[in-house]
């Protein structure tokens, strides 16, 4: 457990690291996590280009019963929605120029909806994230291997979901 500051608040976070050895394994990890997510959950995905964020969202879609072949990186439109057991709101903020762009599409409507929201490049909008979210940091270790670091804010919000990834 670590202590960090978010928007001036000291909060405790629960973290866990996992290794993924392939694109398929990244998707499987996300699909397993999706089964434990609840309506209104927000995932903040952070990592360099090609680190596995969109592959992770495809795995979430699989786990939520959405058609994975429909999942595209919404880079040019900022957000796409996929229907499954729960709606998956997929934001890709790579090309986001300013917060105003996000406000224009009514991001809060999605962040506080009954769906699951996954935000790629979430580090660009940390001040807009809700108080409760699961952050996933992606680090490229080699051509296929990635380290995924899961951090729950607050610490207990996603603790059970994170724990199920171990077993």
Foldseek 3Di string as FASTA:
>chain_A
DDWDAAPNDIAAKAKDKDKDQALVSLLCLLLLLLLVDFFLAEEEEEEDPPLRQQSSVLSNCVNQAWDSVPRDQPDPPQWDWTDGVFIEIEGECPPPPDCVVVVVVPVVCVNRGRHYYYHYPCVRPSVPHDQWHWYWYWDDPDPGMIMIMIMTRRHPPCVVSVVSSVD
